[in-house]
PDB file of N, CA and C in Angstrom:
ATOM      1  N   MET A   1     -16.926  20.290  10.183  1.00  0.00           N
ATOM      2  CA  MET A   1     -16.820  19.274   9.161  1.00  0.00           C
ATOM      3  C   MET A   1     -17.502  18.016   9.675  1.00  0.00           C
ATOM      4  N   THR A   2     -18.221  17.356   8.788  1.00  0.00           N
ATOM      5  CA  THR A   2     -18.891  16.120   9.181  1.00  0.00           C
ATOM      6  C   THR A   2     -18.855  15.136   8.022  1.00  0.00           C
ATOM      7  N   SER A   3     -19.305  13.936   8.267  1.00  0.00           N
ATOM      8  CA  SER A   3     -19.340  12.905   7.239  1.00  0.00           C
ATOM      9  C   SER A   3     -20.738  12.317   7.170  1.00  0.00           C
ATOM     10  N   PRO A   4     -21.493  12.670   6.153  1.00  0.00           N
ATOM     11  CA  PRO A   4     -22.845  12.121   6.021  1.00  0.00           C
ATOM     12  C   PRO A   4     -22.864  10.599   5.947  1.00  0.00           C
ATOM     13  N   VAL A   5     -21.801   9.994   5.410  1.00  0.00           N
ATOM     14  CA  VAL A   5     -21.743   8.538   5.310  1.00  0.00           C
ATOM     15  C   VAL A   5     -21.771   7.917   6.707  1.00  0.00           C
ATOM     16  N   TYR A   6     -20.941   8.444   7.610  1.00  0.00           N
ATOM     17  CA  TYR A   6     -20.922   7.931   8.977  1.00  0.00           C
ATOM     18  C   TYR A   6     -22.232   8.200   9.694  1.00  0.00           C
ATOM     19  N   LEU A   7     -22.702   9.430   9.585  1.00  0.00           N
ATOM     20  CA  LEU A   7     -23.925   9.781  10.303  1.00  0.00           C
ATOM     21  C   LEU A   7     -25.111   8.960   9.819  1.00  0.00           C
ATOM     22  N   ASP A   8     -25.182   8.719   8.528  1.00  0.00           N
ATOM     23  CA  ASP A   8     -26.271   7.903   7.993  1.00  0.00           C
ATOM     24  C   ASP A   8     -26.187   6.477   8.534  1.00  0.00           C
ATOM     25  N   ALA A   9     -24.998   5.911   8.530  1.00  0.00           N
ATOM     26  CA  ALA A   9     -24.832   4.538   9.036  1.00  0.00           C
ATOM     27  C   ALA A   9     -25.184   4.451  10.516  1.00  0.00           C
ATOM     28  N   TRP A  10     -24.719   5.406  11.313  1.00  0.00           N
ATOM     29  CA  TRP A  10     -24.996   5.370  12.752  1.00  0.00           C
ATOM     30  C   TRP A  10     -26.447   5.727  13.061  1.00  0.00           C
ATOM     31  N   THR A  11     -27.063   6.566  12.246  1.00  0.00           N
ATOM     32  CA  THR A  11     -28.488   6.869  12.436  1.00  0.00           C
ATOM     33  C   THR A  11     -29.314   5.614  12.200  1.00  0.00           C
ATOM     34  N   LYS A  12     -28.987   4.872  11.164  1.00  0.00           N
ATOM     35  CA  LYS A  12     -29.696   3.616  10.899  1.00  0.00           C
ATOM     36  C   LYS A  12     -29.487   2.619  12.033  1.00  0.00           C
ATOM     37  N   THR A  13     -28.259   2.543  12.536  1.00  0.00           N
ATOM     38  CA  THR A  13     -27.973   1.639  13.659  1.00  0.00           C
ATOM     39  C   THR A  13     -28.764   2.040  14.891  1.00  0.00           C
ATOM     40  N   LYS A  14     -28.787   3.324  15.184  1.00  0.00           N
ATOM     41  CA  LYS A  14     -29.525   3.840  16.345  1.00  0.00           C
ATOM     42  C   LYS A  14     -31.019   3.549  16.200  1.00  0.00           C
ATOM     43  N   ASP A  15     -31.570   3.848  15.033  1.00  0.00           N
ATOM     44  CA  ASP A  15     -32.996   3.624  14.805  1.00  0.00           C
ATOM     45  C   ASP A  15     -33.356   2.140  14.898  1.00  0.00           C
ATOM     46  N   SER A  16     -32.480   1.301  14.364  1.00  0.00           N
ATOM     47  CA  SER A  16     -32.704  -0.141  14.447  1.00  0.00           C
ATOM     48  C   SER A  16     -32.664  -0.615  15.892  1.00  0.00           C
ATOM     49  N   PHE A  17     -31.721  -0.105  16.664  1.00  0.00           N
ATOM     50  CA  PHE A  17     -31.604  -0.461  18.075  1.00  0.00           C
ATOM     51  C   PHE A  17     -32.868  -0.069  18.837  1.00  0.00           C
ATOM     52  N   ILE A  18     -33.341   1.131  18.602  1.00  0.00           N
ATOM     53  CA  ILE A  18     -34.552   1.603  19.283  1.00  0.00           C
ATOM     54  C   ILE A  18     -35.741   0.733  18.902  1.00  0.00           C
ATOM     55  N   ALA A  19     -35.868   0.421  17.612  1.00  0.00           N
ATOM     56  CA  ALA A  19     -37.014  -0.368  17.145  1.00  0.00           C
ATOM     57  C   ALA A  19     -36.992  -1.797  17.688  1.00  0.00           C
ATOM     58  N   LYS A  20     -35.824  -2.401  17.782  1.00  0.00           N
ATOM     59  CA  LYS A  20     -35.720  -3.806  18.201  1.00  0.00           C
ATOM     60  C   LYS A  20     -35.836  -4.010  19.701  1.00  0.00           C
ATOM     61  N   ASN A  21     -35.567  -2.977  20.490  1.00  0.00           N
ATOM     62  CA  ASN A  21     -35.477  -3.172  21.928  1.00  0.00           C
ATOM     63  C   ASN A  21     -36.657  -2.615  22.723  1.00  0.00           C
ATOM     64  N   ASN A  22     -37.680  -2.146  22.035  1.00  0.00           N
ATOM     65  CA  ASN A  22     -38.906  -1.708  22.716  1.00  0.00           C
ATOM     66  C   ASN A  22     -38.589  -0.810  23.918  1.00  0.00           C
ATOM     67  N   LEU A  23     -37.877   0.274  23.663  1.00  0.00           N
ATOM     68  CA  LEU A  23     -37.436   1.173  24.719  1.00  0.00           C
ATOM     69  C   LEU A  23     -38.558   2.109  25.158  1.00  0.00           C
ATOM     70  N   ASP A  24     -38.516   2.470  26.433  1.00  0.00           N
ATOM     71  CA  ASP A  24     -39.473   3.474  26.904  1.00  0.00           C
ATOM     72  C   ASP A  24     -38.911   4.858  26.569  1.00  0.00           C
ATOM     73  N   ASP A  25     -39.668   5.897  26.885  1.00  0.00           N
ATOM     74  CA  ASP A  25     -39.269   7.252  26.509  1.00  0.00           C
ATOM     75  C   ASP A  25     -37.960   7.692  27.162  1.00  0.00           C
ATOM     76  N   VAL A  26     -37.747   7.311  28.398  1.00  0.00           N
ATOM     77  CA  VAL A  26     -36.506   7.676  29.095  1.00  0.00           C
ATOM     78  C   VAL A  26     -35.311   7.015  28.417  1.00  0.00           C
ATOM     79  N   GLN A  27     -35.451   5.741  28.060  1.00  0.00           N
ATOM     80  CA  GLN A  27     -34.366   5.021  27.393  1.00  0.00           C
ATOM     81  C   GLN A  27     -34.103   5.592  25.997  1.00  0.00           C
ATOM     82  N   LYS A  28     -35.189   5.925  25.285  1.00  0.00           N
ATOM     83  CA  LYS A  28     -35.021   6.531  23.959  1.00  0.00           C
ATOM     84  C   LYS A  28     -34.282   7.858  24.061  1.00  0.00           C
ATOM     85  N   ALA A  29     -34.615   8.638  25.078  1.00  0.00           N
ATOM     86  CA  ALA A  29     -33.937   9.922  25.279  1.00  0.00           C
ATOM     87  C   ALA A  29     -32.451   9.709  25.572  1.00  0.00           C
ATOM     88  N   ALA A  30     -32.134   8.672  26.342  1.00  0.00           N
ATOM     89  CA  ALA A  30     -30.737   8.368  26.653  1.00  0.00           C
ATOM     90  C   ALA A  30     -29.981   7.965  25.391  1.00  0.00           C
ATOM     91  N   VAL A  31     -30.616   7.165  24.545  1.00  0.00           N
ATOM     92  CA  VAL A  31     -29.993   6.762  23.286  1.00  0.00           C
ATOM     93  C   VAL A  31     -29.761   7.988  22.405  1.00  0.00           C
ATOM     94  N   GLU A  32     -30.758   8.855  22.318  1.00  0.00           N
ATOM     95  CA  GLU A  32     -30.617  10.075  21.510  1.00  0.00           C
ATOM     96  C   GLU A  32     -29.501  10.963  22.050  1.00  0.00           C
ATOM     97  N   SER A  33     -29.397  11.053  23.371  1.00  0.00           N
ATOM     98  CA  SER A  33     -28.346  11.856  23.989  1.00  0.00           C
ATOM     99  C   SER A  33     -26.966  11.312  23.625  1.00  0.00           C
ATOM    100  N   LYS A  34     -26.792   9.996  23.708  1.00  0.00           N
ATOM    101  CA  LYS A  34     -25.512   9.378  23.334  1.00  0.00           C
ATOM    102  C   LYS A  34     -25.221   9.600  21.855  1.00  0.00           C
ATOM    103  N   PHE A  35     -26.251   9.514  21.034  1.00  0.00           N
ATOM    104  CA  PHE A  35     -26.062   9.728  19.604  1.00  0.00           C
ATOM    105  C   PHE A  35     -25.605  11.167  19.341  1.00  0.00           C
ATOM    106  N   GLN A  36     -26.191  12.119  20.036  1.00  0.00           N
ATOM    107  CA  GLN A  36     -25.783  13.520  19.873  1.00  0.00           C
ATOM    108  C   GLN A  36     -24.324  13.707  20.312  1.00  0.00           C
ATOM    109  N   GLN A  37     -23.924  13.021  21.380  1.00  0.00           N
ATOM    110  CA  GLN A  37     -22.528  13.074  21.820  1.00  0.00           C
ATOM    111  C   GLN A  37     -21.611  12.507  20.741  1.00  0.00           C
ATOM    112  N   TYR A  38     -22.029  11.378  20.154  1.00  0.00           N
ATOM    113  CA  TYR A  38     -21.241  10.763  19.087  1.00  0.00           C
ATOM    114  C   TYR A  38     -21.120  11.725  17.911  1.00  0.00           C
ATOM    115  N   GLN A  39     -22.234  12.323  17.520  1.00  0.00           N
ATOM    116  CA  GLN A  39     -22.230  13.231  16.381  1.00  0.00           C
ATOM    117  C   GLN A  39     -21.277  14.411  16.631  1.00  0.00           C
ATOM    118  N   ALA A  40     -21.327  14.973  17.815  1.00  0.00           N
ATOM    119  CA  ALA A  40     -20.430  16.090  18.151  1.00  0.00           C
ATOM    120  C   ALA A  40     -18.971  15.639  18.159  1.00  0.00           C
ATOM    121  N   SER A  41     -18.699  14.462  18.706  1.00  0.00           N
ATOM    122  CA  SER A  41     -17.311  13.987  18.758  1.00  0.00           C
ATOM    123  C   SER A  41     -16.798  13.645  17.359  1.00  0.00           C
ATOM    124  N   LEU A  42     -17.659  13.123  16.496  1.00  0.00           N
ATOM    125  CA  LEU A  42     -17.257  12.837  15.118  1.00  0.00           C
ATOM    126  C   LEU A  42     -16.890  14.128  14.400  1.00  0.00           C
ATOM    127  N   GLU A  43     -17.735  15.121  14.538  1.00  0.00           N
ATOM    128  CA  GLU A  43     -17.466  16.401  13.888  1.00  0.00           C
ATOM    129  C   GLU A  43     -16.159  17.009  14.408  1.00  0.00           C
ATOM    130  N   GLU A  44     -15.958  16.945  15.711  1.00  0.00           N
ATOM    131  CA  GLU A  44     -14.735  17.472  16.312  1.00  0.00           C
ATOM    132  C   GLU A  44     -13.505  16.707  15.809  1.00  0.00           C
ATOM    133  N   TYR A  45     -13.603  15.380  15.767  1.00  0.00           N
ATOM    134  CA  TYR A  45     -12.483  14.557  15.316  1.00  0.00           C
ATOM    135  C   TYR A  45     -12.145  14.844  13.855  1.00  0.00           C
ATOM    136  N   LEU A  46     -13.151  14.878  12.992  1.00  0.00           N
ATOM    137  CA  LEU A  46     -12.896  15.102  11.573  1.00  0.00           C
ATOM    138  C   LEU A  46     -12.323  16.492  11.323  1.00  0.00           C
ATOM    139  N   THR A  47     -12.819  17.473  12.043  1.00  0.00           N
ATOM    140  CA  THR A  47     -12.300  18.828  11.888  1.00  0.00           C
ATOM    141  C   THR A  47     -10.842  18.905  12.337  1.00  0.00           C
ATOM    142  N   ALA A  48     -10.550  18.306  13.472  1.00  0.00           N
ATOM    143  CA  ALA A  48      -9.190  18.368  14.013  1.00  0.00           C
ATOM    144  C   ALA A  48      -8.192  17.573  13.176  1.00  0.00           C
ATOM    145  N   ASN A  49      -8.648  16.522  12.499  1.00  0.00           N
ATOM    146  CA  ASN A  49      -7.740  15.629  11.774  1.00  0.00           C
ATOM    147  C   ASN A  49      -7.917  15.652  10.263  1.00  0.00           C
ATOM    148  N   ALA A  50      -8.643  16.630   9.744  1.00  0.00           N
ATOM    149  CA  ALA A  50      -8.947  16.668   8.305  1.00  0.00           C
ATOM    150  C   ALA A  50      -7.681  16.648   7.452  1.00  0.00           C
ATOM    151  N   GLU A  51      -6.691  17.420   7.837  1.00  0.00           N
ATOM    152  CA  GLU A  51      -5.457  17.475   7.047  1.00  0.00           C
ATOM    153  C   GLU A  51      -4.761  16.114   7.007  1.00  0.00           C
ATOM    154  N   ASP A  52      -4.677  15.449   8.160  1.00  0.00           N
ATOM    155  CA  ASP A  52      -4.043  14.127   8.209  1.00  0.00           C
ATOM    156  C   ASP A  52      -4.840  13.091   7.423  1.00  0.00           C
ATOM    157  N   ILE A  53      -6.149  13.166   7.502  1.00  0.00           N
ATOM    158  CA  ILE A  53      -6.999  12.210   6.777  1.00  0.00           C
ATOM    159  C   ILE A  53      -6.833  12.410   5.276  1.00  0.00           C
ATOM    160  N   ARG A  54      -6.869  13.661   4.828  1.00  0.00           N
ATOM    161  CA  ARG A  54      -6.681  13.933   3.396  1.00  0.00           C
ATOM    162  C   ARG A  54      -5.294  13.481   2.934  1.00  0.00           C
ATOM    163  N   ALA A  55      -4.277  13.735   3.745  1.00  0.00           N
ATOM    164  CA  ALA A  55      -2.916  13.315   3.394  1.00  0.00           C
ATOM    165  C   ALA A  55      -2.822  11.801   3.301  1.00  0.00           C
ATOM    166  N   HIS A  56      -3.502  11.101   4.204  1.00  0.00           N
ATOM    167  CA  HIS A  56      -3.506   9.634   4.183  1.00  0.00           C
ATOM    168  C   HIS A  56      -4.084   9.113   2.875  1.00  0.00           C
ATOM    169  N   PHE A  57      -5.252   9.636   2.489  1.00  0.00           N
ATOM    170  CA  PHE A  57      -5.873   9.158   1.256  1.00  0.00           C
ATOM    171  C   PHE A  57      -5.098   9.603   0.020  1.00  0.00           C
ATOM    172  N   ALA A  58      -4.471  10.760   0.071  1.00  0.00           N
ATOM    173  CA  ALA A  58      -3.625  11.191  -1.047  1.00  0.00           C
ATOM    174  C   ALA A  58      -2.436  10.246  -1.200  1.00  0.00           C
ATOM    175  N   ALA A  59      -1.845   9.825  -0.090  1.00  0.00           N
ATOM    176  CA  ALA A  59      -0.733   8.875  -0.149  1.00  0.00           C
ATOM    177  C   ALA A  59      -1.198   7.534  -0.715  1.00  0.00           C
ATOM    178  N   LEU A  60      -2.379   7.084  -0.314  1.00  0.00           N
ATOM    179  CA  LEU A  60      -2.902   5.834  -0.868  1.00  0.00           C
ATOM    180  C   LEU A  60      -3.156   5.955  -2.364  1.00  0.00           C
ATOM    181  N   ASP A  61      -3.671   7.106  -2.790  1.00  0.00           N
ATOM    182  CA  ASP A  61      -3.908   7.329  -4.220  1.00  0.00           C
ATOM    183  C   ASP A  61      -2.592   7.330  -4.998  1.00  0.00           C
ATOM    184  N   ARG A  62      -1.565   7.976  -4.439  1.00  0.00           N
ATOM    185  CA  ARG A  62      -0.252   7.982  -5.106  1.00  0.00           C
ATOM    186  C   ARG A  62       0.317   6.576  -5.186  1.00  0.00           C
ATOM    187  N   LEU A  63       0.165   5.817  -4.130  1.00  0.00           N
ATOM    188  CA  LEU A  63       0.656   4.444  -4.113  1.00  0.00           C
ATOM    189  C   LEU A  63      -0.063   3.608  -5.175  1.00  0.00           C
ATOM    190  N   ALA A  64      -1.379   3.746  -5.250  1.00  0.00           N
ATOM    191  CA  ALA A  64      -2.145   3.000  -6.258  1.00  0.00           C
ATOM    192  C   ALA A  64      -1.713   3.392  -7.669  1.00  0.00           C
ATOM    193  N   ALA A  65      -1.478   4.680  -7.888  1.00  0.00           N
ATOM    194  CA  ALA A  65      -1.046   5.139  -9.211  1.00  0.00           C
ATOM    195  C   ALA A  65       0.313   4.569  -9.581  1.00  0.00           C
ATOM    196  N   ARG A  66       1.210   4.506  -8.601  1.00  0.00           N
ATOM    197  CA  ARG A  66       2.524   3.919  -8.864  1.00  0.00           C
ATOM    198  C   ARG A  66       2.412   2.444  -9.189  1.00  0.00           C
ATOM    199  N   LYS A  67       1.531   1.748  -8.504  1.00  0.00           N
ATOM    200  CA  LYS A  67       1.361   0.323  -8.785  1.00  0.00           C
ATOM    201  C   LYS A  67       0.783   0.107 -10.174  1.00  0.00           C
ATOM    202  N   VAL A  68      -0.183   0.945 -10.561  1.00  0.00           N
ATOM    203  CA  VAL A  68      -0.788   0.830 -11.886  1.00  0.00           C
ATOM    204  C   VAL A  68       0.227   1.159 -12.974  1.00  0.00           C
ATOM    205  N   ALA A  69       1.089   2.142 -12.709  1.00  0.00           N
ATOM    206  CA  ALA A  69       2.094   2.545 -13.692  1.00  0.00           C
ATOM    207  C   ALA A  69       3.108   1.441 -13.950  1.00  0.00           C
ATOM    208  N   GLY A  70       3.155   0.512 -13.035  1.00  0.00           N
ATOM    209  CA  GLY A  70       4.067  -0.603 -13.206  1.00  0.00           C
ATOM    210  C   GLY A  70       5.395  -0.353 -12.527  1.00  0.00           C
ATOM    211  N   MET A  71       6.072  -1.417 -12.257  1.00  0.00           N
ATOM    212  CA  MET A  71       7.390  -1.317 -11.658  1.00  0.00           C
ATOM    213  C   MET A  71       8.234  -2.443 -12.235  1.00  0.00           C
ATOM    214  N   ASN A  72       9.506  -2.345 -12.034  1.00  0.00           N
ATOM    215  CA  ASN A  72      10.398  -3.315 -12.654  1.00  0.00           C
ATOM    216  C   ASN A  72      10.632  -4.552 -11.794  1.00  0.00           C
ATOM    217  N   ASN A  73       9.883  -4.663 -10.685  1.00  0.00           N
ATOM    218  CA  ASN A  73       9.988  -5.801  -9.768  1.00  0.00           C
ATOM    219  C   ASN A  73      11.359  -5.940  -9.118  1.00  0.00           C
ATOM    220  N   ALA A  74      12.130  -4.887  -9.162  1.00  0.00           N
ATOM    221  CA  ALA A  74      13.413  -4.910  -8.463  1.00  0.00           C
ATOM    222  C   ALA A  74      13.143  -4.887  -6.963  1.00  0.00           C
ATOM    223  N   ALA A  75      14.014  -5.503  -6.210  1.00  0.00           N
ATOM    224  CA  ALA A  75      13.826  -5.599  -4.760  1.00  0.00           C
ATOM    225  C   ALA A  75      13.720  -4.222  -4.120  1.00  0.00           C
ATOM    226  N   HIS A  76      14.553  -3.265  -4.565  1.00  0.00           N
ATOM    227  CA  HIS A  76      14.508  -1.928  -3.959  1.00  0.00           C
ATOM    228  C   HIS A  76      13.185  -1.220  -4.262  1.00  0.00           C
ATOM    229  N   GLU A  77      12.620  -1.466  -5.444  1.00  0.00           N
ATOM    230  CA  GLU A  77      11.338  -0.857  -5.799  1.00  0.00           C
ATOM    231  C   GLU A  77      10.204  -1.458  -4.962  1.00  0.00           C
ATOM    232  N   LYS A  78      10.226  -2.771  -4.787  1.00  0.00           N
ATOM    233  CA  LYS A  78       9.216  -3.415  -3.939  1.00  0.00           C
ATOM    234  C   LYS A  78       9.306  -2.896  -2.511  1.00  0.00           C
ATOM    235  N   LYS A  79      10.525  -2.734  -2.003  1.00  0.00           N
ATOM    236  CA  LYS A  79      10.701  -2.226  -0.639  1.00  0.00           C
ATOM    237  C   LYS A  79      10.194  -0.792  -0.537  1.00  0.00           C
ATOM    238  N   ARG A  80      10.480   0.028  -1.527  1.00  0.00           N
ATOM    239  CA  ARG A  80      10.024   1.418  -1.513  1.00  0.00           C
ATOM    240  C   ARG A  80       8.495   1.477  -1.486  1.00  0.00           C
ATOM    241  N   LEU A  81       7.855   0.671  -2.315  1.00  0.00           N
ATOM    242  CA  LEU A  81       6.386   0.639  -2.313  1.00  0.00           C
ATOM    243  C   LEU A  81       5.845   0.158  -0.969  1.00  0.00           C
ATOM    244  N   TRP A  82       6.465  -0.867  -0.420  1.00  0.00           N
ATOM    245  CA  TRP A  82       6.042  -1.388   0.885  1.00  0.00           C
ATOM    246  C   TRP A  82       6.188  -0.313   1.965  1.00  0.00           C
ATOM    247  N   ASP A  83       7.325   0.365   1.967  1.00  0.00           N
ATOM    248  CA  ASP A  83       7.557   1.418   2.962  1.00  0.00           C
ATOM    249  C   ASP A  83       6.520   2.536   2.836  1.00  0.00           C
ATOM    250  N   GLU A  84       6.204   2.925   1.603  1.00  0.00           N
ATOM    251  CA  GLU A  84       5.190   3.962   1.395  1.00  0.00           C
ATOM    252  C   GLU A  84       3.831   3.496   1.903  1.00  0.00           C
ATOM    253  N   GLN A  85       3.510   2.253   1.632  1.00  0.00           N
ATOM    254  CA  GLN A  85       2.230   1.713   2.081  1.00  0.00           C
ATOM    255  C   GLN A  85       2.169   1.677   3.610  1.00  0.00           C
ATOM    256  N   MET A  86       3.249   1.305   4.247  1.00  0.00           N
ATOM    257  CA  MET A  86       3.275   1.250   5.707  1.00  0.00           C
ATOM    258  C   MET A  86       3.190   2.644   6.320  1.00  0.00           C
ATOM    259  N   ARG A  87       3.833   3.620   5.699  1.00  0.00           N
ATOM    260  CA  ARG A  87       3.727   4.990   6.203  1.00  0.00           C
ATOM    261  C   ARG A  87       2.290   5.466   6.098  1.00  0.00           C
ATOM    262  N   SER A  88       1.626   5.130   4.999  1.00  0.00           N
ATOM    263  CA  SER A  88       0.222   5.516   4.831  1.00  0.00           C
ATOM    264  C   SER A  88      -0.650   4.821   5.861  1.00  0.00           C
ATOM    265  N   ALA A  89      -0.405   3.544   6.083  1.00  0.00           N
ATOM    266  CA  ALA A  89      -1.223   2.775   7.023  1.00  0.00           C
ATOM    267  C   ALA A  89      -0.983   3.206   8.456  1.00  0.00           C
ATOM    268  N   ALA A  90       0.166   3.773   8.724  1.00  0.00           N
ATOM    269  CA  ALA A  90       0.507   4.156  10.090  1.00  0.00           C
ATOM    270  C   ALA A  90       0.106   5.590  10.419  1.00  0.00           C
ATOM    271  N   SER A  91      -0.666   6.212   9.551  1.00  0.00           N
ATOM    272  CA  SER A  91      -1.098   7.577   9.816  1.00  0.00           C
ATOM    273  C   SER A  91      -1.788   7.649  11.165  1.00  0.00           C
ATOM    274  N   PRO A  92      -1.395   8.588  12.028  1.00  0.00           N
ATOM    275  CA  PRO A  92      -1.958   8.645  13.375  1.00  0.00           C
ATOM    276  C   PRO A  92      -3.444   8.964  13.398  1.00  0.00           C
ATOM    277  N   ALA A  93      -3.943   9.615  12.357  1.00  0.00           N
ATOM    278  CA  ALA A  93      -5.354   9.997  12.365  1.00  0.00           C
ATOM    279  C   ALA A  93      -6.251   8.889  11.859  1.00  0.00           C
ATOM    280  N   VAL A  94      -5.669   7.894  11.220  1.00  0.00           N
ATOM    281  CA  VAL A  94      -6.502   6.893  10.574  1.00  0.00           C
ATOM    282  C   VAL A  94      -6.171   5.522  11.147  1.00  0.00           C
ATOM    283  N   GLY A  95      -6.920   5.108  12.141  1.00  0.00           N
ATOM    284  CA  GLY A  95      -6.733   3.801  12.723  1.00  0.00           C
ATOM    285  C   GLY A  95      -8.015   3.003  12.613  1.00  0.00           C
ATOM    286  N   TRP A  96      -8.761   3.239  11.543  1.00  0.00           N
ATOM    287  CA  TRP A  96     -10.078   2.649  11.386  1.00  0.00           C
ATOM    288  C   TRP A  96     -10.014   1.256  10.787  1.00  0.00           C
ATOM    289  N   PRO A  97     -11.044   0.476  11.003  1.00  0.00           N
ATOM    290  CA  PRO A  97     -11.173  -0.772  10.244  1.00  0.00           C
ATOM    291  C   PRO A  97     -11.347  -0.440   8.756  1.00  0.00           C
ATOM    292  N   ASN A  98     -11.100  -1.384   7.901  1.00  0.00           N
ATOM    293  CA  ASN A  98     -11.152  -1.121   6.464  1.00  0.00           C
ATOM    294  C   ASN A  98     -12.486  -0.576   5.985  1.00  0.00           C
ATOM    295  N   TRP A  99     -13.606  -1.087   6.490  1.00  0.00           N
ATOM    296  CA  TRP A  99     -14.898  -0.608   5.994  1.00  0.00           C
ATOM    297  C   TRP A  99     -15.093   0.855   6.347  1.00  0.00           C
ATOM    298  N   THR A 100     -14.550   1.277   7.442  1.00  0.00           N
ATOM    299  CA  THR A 100     -14.703   2.663   7.844  1.00  0.00           C
ATOM    300  C   THR A 100     -13.854   3.568   6.968  1.00  0.00           C
ATOM    301  N   ALA A 101     -12.643   3.155   6.690  1.00  0.00           N
ATOM    302  CA  ALA A 101     -11.788   3.932   5.801  1.00  0.00           C
ATOM    303  C   ALA A 101     -12.421   4.026   4.421  1.00  0.00           C
ATOM    304  N   TRP A 102     -13.030   2.935   3.982  1.00  0.00           N
ATOM    305  CA  TRP A 102     -13.700   2.939   2.685  1.00  0.00           C
ATOM    306  C   TRP A 102     -14.846   3.940   2.684  1.00  0.00           C
ATOM    307  N   ALA A 103     -15.642   3.950   3.734  1.00  0.00           N
ATOM    308  CA  ALA A 103     -16.767   4.877   3.810  1.00  0.00           C
ATOM    309  C   ALA A 103     -16.278   6.322   3.837  1.00  0.00           C
ATOM    310  N   ALA A 104     -15.200   6.568   4.573  1.00  0.00           N
ATOM    311  CA  ALA A 104     -14.646   7.924   4.634  1.00  0.00           C
ATOM    312  C   ALA A 104     -14.139   8.353   3.269  1.00  0.00           C
ATOM    313  N   LYS A 105     -13.487   7.437   2.575  1.00  0.00           N
ATOM    314  CA  LYS A 105     -12.967   7.782   1.256  1.00  0.00           C
ATOM    315  C   LYS A 105     -14.112   8.053   0.296  1.00  0.00           C
ATOM    316  N   CYS A 106     -15.175   7.282   0.374  1.00  0.00           N
ATOM    317  CA  CYS A 106     -16.336   7.536  -0.482  1.00  0.00           C
ATOM    318  C   CYS A 106     -16.894   8.931  -0.222  1.00  0.00           C
ATOM    319  N   ALA A 107     -16.995   9.286   1.048  1.00  0.00           N
ATOM    320  CA  ALA A 107     -17.491  10.608   1.414  1.00  0.00           C
ATOM    321  C   ALA A 107     -16.538  11.680   0.914  1.00  0.00           C
ATOM    322  N   TRP A 108     -15.233  11.439   1.068  1.00  0.00           N
ATOM    323  CA  TRP A 108     -14.235  12.410   0.647  1.00  0.00           C
ATOM    324  C   TRP A 108     -14.261  12.588  -0.866  1.00  0.00           C
ATOM    325  N   LEU A 109     -14.346  11.487  -1.606  1.00  0.00           N
ATOM    326  CA  LEU A 109     -14.352  11.549  -3.065  1.00  0.00           C
ATOM    327  C   LEU A 109     -15.609  12.219  -3.590  1.00  0.00           C
ATOM    328  N   SER A 110     -16.726  12.035  -2.891  1.00  0.00           N
ATOM    329  CA  SER A 110     -17.973  12.629  -3.369  1.00  0.00           C
ATOM    330  C   SER A 110     -18.082  14.098  -2.973  1.00  0.00           C
ATOM    331  N   GLY A 111     -17.109  14.592  -2.193  1.00  0.00           N
ATOM    332  CA  GLY A 111     -17.125  15.990  -1.809  1.00  0.00           C
ATOM    333  C   GLY A 111     -17.986  16.284  -0.591  1.00  0.00           C
ATOM    334  N   THR A 112     -18.483  15.238   0.076  1.00  0.00           N
ATOM    335  CA  THR A 112     -19.327  15.453   1.251  1.00  0.00           C
ATOM    336  C   THR A 112     -18.556  15.375   2.529  1.00  0.00           C
ATOM    337  N   PHE A 113     -17.277  15.129   2.442  1.00  0.00           N
ATOM    338  CA  PHE A 113     -16.427  15.014   3.639  1.00  0.00           C
ATOM    339  C   PHE A 113     -16.151  16.387   4.191  1.00  0.00           C
TER     340      PHE A 113
END
């Protein structure tokens, strides 16, 4: 399993780094080697944690649906929503910055995850 969104972003970063730093062939090879390591580790991570990642985004989707459906603003309802949101945010597989989670969700929603 892989994420084209991540790979595309990191490929652009790698290419930009190579172009801006006037690297020799040995340095370019080292950068490519590190990129290949990253690509393999990303694939391994996503494969190993796919179920947790999908569950995390499913919980976020359920939370959003509940918020859209409305609530009665009772204290217990607000606490329940907060607790659900915190459980979703505390998922062990998803400790990414927001932009990364957004990119993963885009990939997941488009079926490329």
